[in-house]
Protein backbone atom coordinates (compact mmCIF):
# COMPACT_ATOMS: atom_id res chain seq x y z
CA UNK A 1 30.98 7.72 -109.73
CA UNK A 2 29.11 5.58 -107.14
CA UNK A 3 27.27 2.44 -108.16
CA UNK A 4 23.69 3.50 -108.89
CA UNK A 5 20.55 1.96 -110.27
CA UNK A 6 19.96 2.50 -113.98
CA UNK A 7 17.96 5.71 -114.21
CA UNK A 8 19.25 7.26 -110.99
CA UNK A 9 21.68 9.64 -112.67
CA UNK A 10 19.01 10.77 -115.14
CA UNK A 11 16.64 11.40 -112.22
CA UNK A 12 19.23 13.54 -110.42
CA UNK A 13 19.94 15.58 -113.55
CA UNK A 14 16.22 16.20 -114.13
CA UNK A 15 15.70 17.30 -110.52
CA UNK A 16 18.50 19.87 -110.80
CA UNK A 17 17.69 21.21 -114.28
CA UNK A 18 16.12 24.69 -114.35
CA UNK A 19 12.74 24.14 -115.97
CA UNK A 20 11.45 26.21 -118.92
CA UNK A 21 9.20 28.06 -116.46
CA UNK A 22 12.16 28.94 -114.22
CA UNK A 23 11.55 26.46 -111.42
CA UNK A 24 14.17 24.06 -110.10
CA UNK A 25 13.64 20.70 -111.71
CA UNK A 26 11.92 19.30 -114.78
CA UNK A 27 9.05 17.02 -113.58
CA UNK A 28 10.29 13.43 -113.79
CA UNK A 29 8.42 10.13 -113.57
CA UNK A 30 10.40 6.97 -112.77
CA UNK A 31 9.01 3.68 -114.09
CA UNK A 32 10.07 0.30 -112.75
CA UNK A 33 9.08 -3.04 -111.32
CA UNK A 34 8.01 -3.25 -107.67
CA UNK A 35 10.78 -3.51 -105.11
CA UNK A 36 13.68 -2.12 -107.15
CA UNK A 37 14.33 0.92 -104.95
CA UNK A 38 12.61 3.76 -106.79
CA UNK A 39 10.92 5.24 -103.75
CA UNK A 40 13.79 4.43 -101.41
CA UNK A 41 16.27 6.27 -103.60
CA UNK A 42 14.14 9.39 -103.98
CA UNK A 43 13.36 9.52 -100.27
CA UNK A 44 17.07 9.08 -99.47
CA UNK A 45 17.70 12.49 -101.02
CA UNK A 46 16.05 14.12 -97.99
CA UNK A 47 18.18 16.28 -95.69
CA UNK A 48 17.25 18.40 -92.66
CA UNK A 49 17.06 21.52 -94.85
CA UNK A 50 15.83 19.68 -97.96
CA UNK A 51 12.61 17.78 -97.28
CA UNK A 52 11.29 15.01 -99.51
CA UNK A 53 7.53 14.80 -99.00
CA UNK A 54 5.92 11.57 -100.22
CA UNK A 55 2.28 11.57 -101.24
CA UNK A 56 0.42 8.46 -102.44
CA UNK A 57 -1.91 10.11 -104.93
CA UNK A 58 -4.58 7.41 -104.74
CA UNK A 59 -5.01 8.06 -100.99
CA UNK A 60 -5.95 11.70 -101.57
CA UNK A 61 -9.03 13.48 -102.82
CA UNK A 62 -8.79 15.87 -105.77
CA UNK A 63 -9.26 18.75 -103.31
CA UNK A 64 -5.91 17.85 -101.73
CA UNK A 65 -4.26 18.95 -104.97
CA UNK A 66 -6.58 21.81 -105.92
CA UNK A 67 -6.90 23.38 -102.50
CA UNK A 68 -9.87 23.11 -100.16
CA UNK A 69 -12.73 25.55 -100.85
CA UNK A 70 -13.03 27.83 -97.79
CA UNK A 71 -15.33 30.79 -97.11
CA UNK A 72 -13.27 33.82 -96.08
CA UNK A 73 -14.60 37.39 -95.91
CA UNK A 74 -17.65 36.39 -97.88
CA UNK A 75 -15.59 34.88 -100.70
CA UNK A 76 -14.71 31.29 -101.53
CA UNK A 77 -10.95 30.78 -101.50
CA UNK A 78 -8.94 27.61 -102.03
CA UNK A 79 -6.83 27.01 -98.94
CA UNK A 80 -3.55 25.10 -99.46
CA UNK A 81 -3.33 21.71 -97.69
CA UNK A 82 -1.28 21.15 -94.57
CA UNK A 83 1.36 19.09 -96.40
CA UNK A 84 2.92 22.20 -97.99
CA UNK A 85 4.27 23.42 -94.63
CA UNK A 86 7.70 21.69 -94.84
CA UNK A 87 8.31 23.43 -98.15
CA UNK A 88 7.22 26.77 -96.77
CA UNK A 89 9.85 26.45 -94.05
CA UNK A 90 12.73 25.08 -96.15
CA UNK A 91 11.87 26.88 -99.43
CA UNK A 92 13.29 23.86 -101.29
CA UNK A 93 12.93 20.09 -101.51
CA UNK A 94 11.14 17.41 -103.55
CA UNK A 95 7.42 16.75 -103.80
CA UNK A 96 7.32 13.00 -104.47
CA UNK A 97 4.13 11.56 -105.96
CA UNK A 98 4.48 7.81 -105.41
CA UNK A 99 2.42 4.98 -106.92
CA UNK A 100 1.11 7.36 -109.56
CA UNK A 101 -0.62 4.68 -111.63
CA UNK A 102 -2.89 3.84 -108.69
CA UNK A 103 -4.45 7.33 -108.93
CA UNK A 104 -7.94 7.32 -110.51
CA UNK A 105 -8.73 9.70 -113.38
CA UNK A 106 -10.29 12.34 -111.11
CA UNK A 107 -7.09 12.58 -109.07
CA UNK A 108 -4.92 12.55 -112.20
CA UNK A 109 -6.94 15.48 -113.52
CA UNK A 110 -6.37 17.36 -110.26
CA UNK A 111 -2.62 16.80 -110.61
CA UNK A 112 -2.40 18.46 -114.03
CA UNK A 113 -1.99 22.01 -112.74
CA UNK A 114 0.16 21.00 -109.78
CA UNK A 115 2.72 19.19 -111.94
CA UNK A 116 2.91 21.82 -114.68
CA UNK A 117 2.37 25.10 -112.82
CA UNK A 118 3.09 23.90 -109.26
CA UNK A 119 -0.07 25.57 -108.01
CA UNK A 120 -2.74 24.47 -105.55
CA UNK A 121 -5.56 26.97 -105.91
CA UNK A 122 -3.93 30.36 -105.42
CA UNK A 123 -0.91 28.89 -103.63
CA UNK A 124 2.39 28.30 -105.47
CA UNK A 125 5.11 25.93 -104.36
CA UNK A 126 8.48 27.62 -103.73
CA UNK A 127 10.57 27.82 -106.90
CA UNK A 128 13.30 25.53 -105.54
CA UNK A 129 10.90 22.63 -104.94
CA UNK A 130 11.22 19.91 -107.59
CA UNK A 131 8.52 17.40 -108.54
CA UNK A 132 9.23 13.69 -108.94
CA UNK A 133 6.93 10.71 -109.30
CA UNK A 134 7.26 6.94 -109.40
CA UNK A 135 5.01 4.25 -110.81
CA UNK A 136 4.74 0.59 -111.59
CA UNK A 137 3.39 -0.31 -115.03
CA UNK A 138 -0.43 -0.22 -114.75
CA UNK A 139 -0.78 -3.91 -115.56
CA UNK A 140 1.09 -4.85 -112.37
CA UNK A 141 0.12 -1.91 -110.15
CA UNK A 142 -2.38 -2.51 -107.38
CA UNK A 143 -5.73 -1.30 -108.76
CA UNK A 144 -3.76 0.26 -111.59
CA UNK A 145 -5.00 2.99 -113.94
CA UNK A 146 -3.47 4.02 -117.25
CA UNK A 147 -1.73 7.37 -117.11
CA UNK A 148 -3.70 9.96 -119.08
CA UNK A 149 -1.84 11.53 -122.05
CA UNK A 150 -2.19 15.10 -120.68
CA UNK A 151 -0.55 14.05 -117.40
CA UNK A 152 2.06 11.88 -119.13
CA UNK A 153 3.10 14.82 -121.31
CA UNK A 154 3.92 16.84 -118.20
CA UNK A 155 6.74 14.47 -117.20
CA UNK A 156 10.06 13.23 -118.44
CA UNK A 157 9.87 9.43 -118.25
CA UNK A 158 12.81 7.42 -116.89
CA UNK A 159 13.22 3.64 -116.92
CA UNK A 160 14.53 2.35 -113.58
CA UNK A 161 16.35 -0.94 -113.14
CA UNK A 162 18.51 -2.31 -110.35
CA UNK A 163 21.48 -4.17 -111.88
CA UNK A 164 22.51 -7.30 -110.01
CA UNK A 165 26.03 -5.93 -109.46
CA UNK A 166 24.63 -2.79 -107.82
CA UNK A 167 22.46 -4.84 -105.47
CA UNK A 168 25.37 -7.19 -104.62
CA UNK A 169 27.61 -4.22 -103.88
CA UNK A 170 24.95 -2.79 -101.57
CA UNK A 171 24.72 -6.11 -99.72
CA UNK A 172 28.49 -6.29 -99.30
CA UNK A 173 28.91 -2.74 -98.02
CA UNK A 174 25.72 -2.58 -95.96
CA UNK A 175 23.87 -0.10 -98.16
CA UNK A 176 23.84 1.74 -101.46
CA UNK A 177 26.41 4.38 -102.31
CA UNK A 178 25.23 7.93 -101.59
CA UNK A 179 23.86 9.83 -104.56
CA UNK A 180 26.32 12.28 -106.14
CA UNK A 181 25.65 15.93 -105.38
CA UNK A 182 24.95 17.30 -108.85
CA UNK A 183 24.53 21.04 -109.22
CA UNK A 184 23.48 22.99 -112.32
CA UNK A 185 24.34 26.68 -112.25
CA UNK A 186 21.41 28.73 -113.55
CA UNK A 187 23.50 31.36 -115.35
CA UNK A 188 25.67 28.77 -117.10
CA UNK A 189 22.57 26.77 -117.96
CA UNK A 190 20.90 29.81 -119.52
CA UNK A 191 24.00 30.39 -121.65
CA UNK A 192 24.03 26.79 -122.97
CA UNK A 193 20.31 26.92 -123.73
CA UNK A 194 21.17 29.29 -126.57
CA UNK A 195 23.12 26.57 -128.35
CA UNK A 196 20.64 23.75 -127.81
CA UNK A 197 17.66 25.87 -128.86
CA UNK A 198 19.43 26.62 -132.11
CA UNK A 199 20.24 22.93 -132.62
CA UNK A 200 16.61 21.92 -132.11
CA UNK A 201 15.39 24.73 -134.35
CA UNK A 202 17.69 23.47 -137.10
CA UNK A 203 16.49 19.91 -136.63
CA UNK A 204 12.80 20.85 -136.67
CA UNK A 205 13.32 22.93 -139.79
CA UNK A 206 14.39 19.70 -141.49
CA UNK A 207 11.73 17.55 -139.79
CA UNK A 208 8.75 19.79 -138.87
CA UNK A 209 6.43 16.77 -138.60
CA UNK A 210 8.30 15.76 -135.42
CA UNK A 211 7.25 18.85 -133.47
CA UNK A 212 4.31 16.76 -132.27
CA UNK A 213 4.18 12.96 -132.23
CA UNK A 214 1.99 10.24 -130.76
CA UNK A 215 3.29 7.84 -128.11
CA UNK A 216 4.35 4.44 -129.42
CA UNK A 217 2.99 1.25 -127.91
CA UNK A 218 4.53 0.62 -124.51
CA UNK A 219 5.77 4.17 -123.88
CA UNK A 220 4.28 7.32 -122.39
CA UNK A 221 6.63 10.02 -123.67
CA UNK A 222 5.75 11.87 -126.85
CA UNK A 223 6.89 15.07 -128.51
CA UNK A 224 5.02 18.33 -128.07
CA UNK A 225 6.28 21.92 -127.80
CA UNK A 226 6.25 21.45 -124.02
CA UNK A 227 8.42 18.34 -124.06
CA UNK A 228 10.75 19.84 -126.67
CA UNK A 229 11.32 22.62 -124.13
CA UNK A 230 12.01 19.94 -121.51
CA UNK A 231 14.45 18.19 -123.82
CA UNK A 232 16.34 21.42 -124.57
CA UNK A 233 16.67 22.21 -120.86
CA UNK A 234 17.90 18.68 -120.12
CA UNK A 235 20.38 18.70 -123.00
CA UNK A 236 21.85 21.95 -121.69
CA UNK A 237 22.27 20.38 -118.23
CA UNK A 238 23.92 17.28 -119.69
CA UNK A 239 26.24 19.54 -121.67
CA UNK A 240 27.34 21.37 -118.51
CA UNK A 241 27.80 18.11 -116.59
CA UNK A 242 29.85 16.44 -119.33
CA UNK A 243 27.27 13.98 -120.71
CA UNK A 244 26.53 15.59 -124.09
CA UNK A 245 27.52 13.69 -127.26
CA UNK A 246 31.00 14.50 -128.53
CA UNK A 247 33.19 12.88 -131.14
CA UNK A 248 35.46 11.24 -128.57
CA UNK A 249 32.82 10.48 -125.91
CA UNK A 250 32.14 6.78 -125.18
CA UNK A 251 28.54 5.56 -125.26
CA UNK A 252 28.49 5.09 -121.49
CA UNK A 253 29.37 8.74 -120.98
CA UNK A 254 26.49 9.95 -123.14
CA UNK A 255 23.89 7.44 -121.90
CA UNK A 256 22.17 9.92 -119.50
CA UNK A 257 21.78 12.40 -122.37
CA UNK A 258 20.25 9.74 -124.64
CA UNK A 259 17.91 8.43 -121.93
CA UNK A 260 16.68 11.90 -120.98
CA UNK A 261 16.01 12.87 -124.60
CA UNK A 262 14.06 9.64 -125.11
CA UNK A 263 12.25 10.19 -121.82
CA UNK A 264 11.14 13.65 -122.86
CA UNK A 265 10.26 13.05 -126.53
CA UNK A 266 9.63 9.34 -126.98
CA UNK A 267 11.42 7.18 -129.53
CA UNK A 268 9.52 8.62 -132.51
CA UNK A 269 11.22 12.04 -132.21
CA UNK A 270 14.28 11.11 -130.14
CA UNK A 271 15.73 8.54 -132.55
CA UNK A 272 16.01 10.91 -135.55
CA UNK A 273 17.17 13.76 -133.29
CA UNK A 274 19.98 11.65 -131.83
CA UNK A 275 21.02 10.59 -135.32
CA UNK A 276 21.04 14.26 -136.38
CA UNK A 277 23.22 15.16 -133.38
CA UNK A 278 25.73 12.42 -134.20
CA UNK A 279 26.13 13.84 -137.69
CA UNK A 280 26.20 17.51 -136.65
CA UNK A 281 29.60 19.15 -137.19
CA UNK A 282 29.17 22.73 -136.00
CA UNK A 283 31.73 24.38 -133.68
CA UNK A 284 30.88 26.07 -130.40
CA UNK A 285 29.15 29.33 -131.44
CA UNK A 286 30.69 31.32 -128.58
CA UNK A 287 34.18 30.20 -129.65
CA UNK A 288 33.45 31.56 -133.13
CA UNK A 289 32.35 34.93 -131.75
CA UNK A 290 35.44 35.08 -129.54
CA UNK A 291 37.67 34.49 -132.55
CA UNK A 292 38.97 31.15 -131.27
CA UNK A 293 37.49 29.13 -134.16
CA UNK A 294 36.83 29.95 -137.81
CA UNK A 295 33.65 28.87 -139.55
CA UNK A 296 34.08 25.90 -141.84
CA UNK A 297 32.25 26.87 -145.01
CA UNK A 298 32.01 23.19 -145.91
CA UNK A 299 29.21 22.82 -143.39
CA UNK A 300 25.78 21.89 -144.71
CA UNK A 301 23.23 24.68 -145.01
CA UNK A 302 21.19 23.36 -142.07
CA UNK A 303 24.38 23.27 -139.97
CA UNK A 304 25.18 26.85 -140.92
CA UNK A 305 21.64 27.90 -140.03
CA UNK A 306 21.97 26.19 -136.64
CA UNK A 307 25.37 27.78 -135.98
CA UNK A 308 24.23 31.28 -136.93
CA UNK A 309 21.00 30.84 -134.98
CA UNK A 310 23.04 30.27 -131.83
CA UNK A 311 25.46 33.08 -132.69
CA UNK A 312 22.53 35.44 -133.27
CA UNK A 313 21.09 34.65 -129.84
CA UNK A 314 24.48 35.19 -128.18
CA UNK A 315 24.96 38.48 -130.01
CA UNK A 316 21.49 39.66 -128.95
CA UNK A 317 22.31 38.77 -125.32
CA UNK A 318 25.50 40.80 -125.53
CA UNK A 319 23.63 43.76 -127.05
CA UNK A 320 20.95 43.61 -124.34
CA UNK A 321 23.58 43.61 -121.59
CA UNK A 322 25.67 46.26 -123.34
CA UNK A 323 28.64 43.96 -122.81
CA UNK A 324 32.09 45.43 -123.55
CA UNK A 325 32.84 42.70 -126.09
CA UNK A 326 29.66 43.30 -128.13
CA UNK A 327 31.37 45.13 -131.00
CA UNK A 328 33.98 42.36 -131.31
CA UNK A 329 31.19 39.77 -131.44
CA UNK A 330 29.41 41.77 -134.14
CA UNK A 331 32.55 42.07 -136.28
CA UNK A 332 33.24 38.32 -136.10
CA UNK A 333 29.58 37.53 -136.77
CA UNK A 334 29.69 39.62 -139.93
CA UNK A 335 33.06 38.18 -140.95
CA UNK A 336 31.56 34.72 -140.65
CA UNK A 337 28.54 35.77 -142.70
CA UNK A 338 30.85 37.10 -145.39
CA UNK A 339 32.78 33.81 -145.53
CA UNK A 340 29.51 31.92 -145.92
CA UNK A 341 28.34 34.26 -148.67
CA UNK A 342 31.64 33.99 -150.52
CA UNK A 343 31.33 30.21 -150.35
CA UNK A 344 28.09 30.44 -152.29
CA UNK A 345 25.72 29.65 -149.39
CA UNK A 346 24.14 33.02 -148.53
CA UNK A 347 20.61 31.64 -148.32
CA UNK A 348 21.50 29.57 -145.25
CA UNK A 349 21.77 32.64 -143.03
CA UNK A 350 19.97 35.38 -144.98
CA UNK A 351 16.88 35.54 -142.75
CA UNK A 352 18.90 35.83 -139.53
CA UNK A 353 21.27 38.46 -140.92
CA UNK A 354 18.54 40.59 -142.49
CA UNK A 355 16.54 40.53 -139.25
CA UNK A 356 19.50 41.89 -137.25
CA UNK A 357 20.07 44.69 -139.73
CA UNK A 358 16.36 45.53 -140.21
CA UNK A 359 15.81 45.78 -136.44
CA UNK A 360 18.76 48.13 -136.11
CA UNK A 361 20.84 45.79 -133.95
CA UNK A 362 24.04 46.89 -135.71
CA UNK A 363 23.18 50.56 -136.05
CA UNK A 364 24.62 52.04 -132.85
CA UNK A 365 27.58 49.71 -133.00
CA UNK A 366 28.27 50.76 -136.58
CA UNK A 367 28.45 54.45 -135.61
CA UNK A 368 31.17 53.65 -133.06
CA UNK A 369 32.89 50.82 -134.92
CA UNK A 370 33.46 51.60 -138.61
CA UNK A 371 34.50 48.01 -139.31
CA UNK A 372 30.88 46.92 -138.74
CA UNK A 373 29.46 49.31 -141.33
CA UNK A 374 32.22 48.35 -143.78
CA UNK A 375 31.44 44.66 -143.47
CA UNK A 376 27.72 45.20 -143.93
CA UNK A 377 28.39 47.16 -147.11
CA UNK A 378 30.60 44.34 -148.34
CA UNK A 379 27.88 41.83 -147.49
CA UNK A 380 25.41 43.91 -149.50
CA UNK A 381 27.10 42.53 -152.61
CA UNK A 382 25.63 39.16 -151.69
CA UNK A 383 22.51 40.20 -149.74
CA UNK A 384 20.32 42.71 -151.52
CA UNK A 385 19.18 45.65 -149.44
CA UNK A 386 21.43 45.28 -146.38
CA UNK A 387 23.29 48.55 -146.83
CA UNK A 388 20.03 50.43 -147.43
CA UNK A 389 18.53 48.98 -144.28
CA UNK A 390 21.54 50.14 -142.30
CA UNK A 391 21.31 53.66 -143.71
CA UNK A 392 17.59 53.92 -142.82
CA UNK A 393 18.21 53.39 -139.11
């Protein structure tokens, strides 16, 4: 791994992460002192087919981000500004909003829709264009303005520092190491989202008050449903890239994961979530459905709920795709449910199991695979009404 500034790896991961709305990149805002290479690093990511367009927000009018009102065919339309042309040609790149804390409130308000929906009037940025921003703390920014909470909540916030050893290495070799070329495959990312959504659902079931928090003094990130979605997407990317917490993973290896979670949610929600993840003992849900791992019935009820939540989502995906392994998944799902019930913990997964049966998800499979119907009837000893629900379909 090349020598990078602190925060650079997190920035690269955020730029490559498929966003909850399907675009390339979760909007990321890099915070740091003047002169530590924030802008230089982001602009160095430019390539002939991958433009990085830098805009100093304070030098633009709100209309530059809303579109310019133009009379066409007797109707007022909002024409996109000229600066979108490089993205129209390349269909990818980075829109870089530099010196964001010098933007007055009217310009910040105009940026709200651009950052979240990537729209300027009726025009939409290409889906492979990512959005990044950089800022100095308002107290040291030239003519600085505080970042409004609605705009702050549209970004993941990254702390940027240039360690002395990184700067010395750059002096000795005549420049900084090139940024690593990180790629996040969309299909693999979508598959890992299933697991991390279930993990967050389990955590929020225990701590529902953390769905929405207020920013602490000195930080801009805070939890909301939007930033929980950001955090889930970023955790899935870190998982694919090898930065997710694991029992044998050193702290340095998991630092990007920790920083991105804190940058999305703020310390108020991130600290208890990270503690929850360190204590979580569930196996990979796909490995359970493939028969590679057996469910440990010694898991806590919230862990079982998280595990079966992920397994349910994977089973529904298989059903939707009519995958050839769907019946095998269903049998192992039901075998796991039976083990949990026999261990005296049926309540942990009752809602998920009953929903699958009530909605008829097992019905067609049961007609072709007798083992599925047999297991549901066995489960009916522990879950009242399951067999009847199956018969009604």
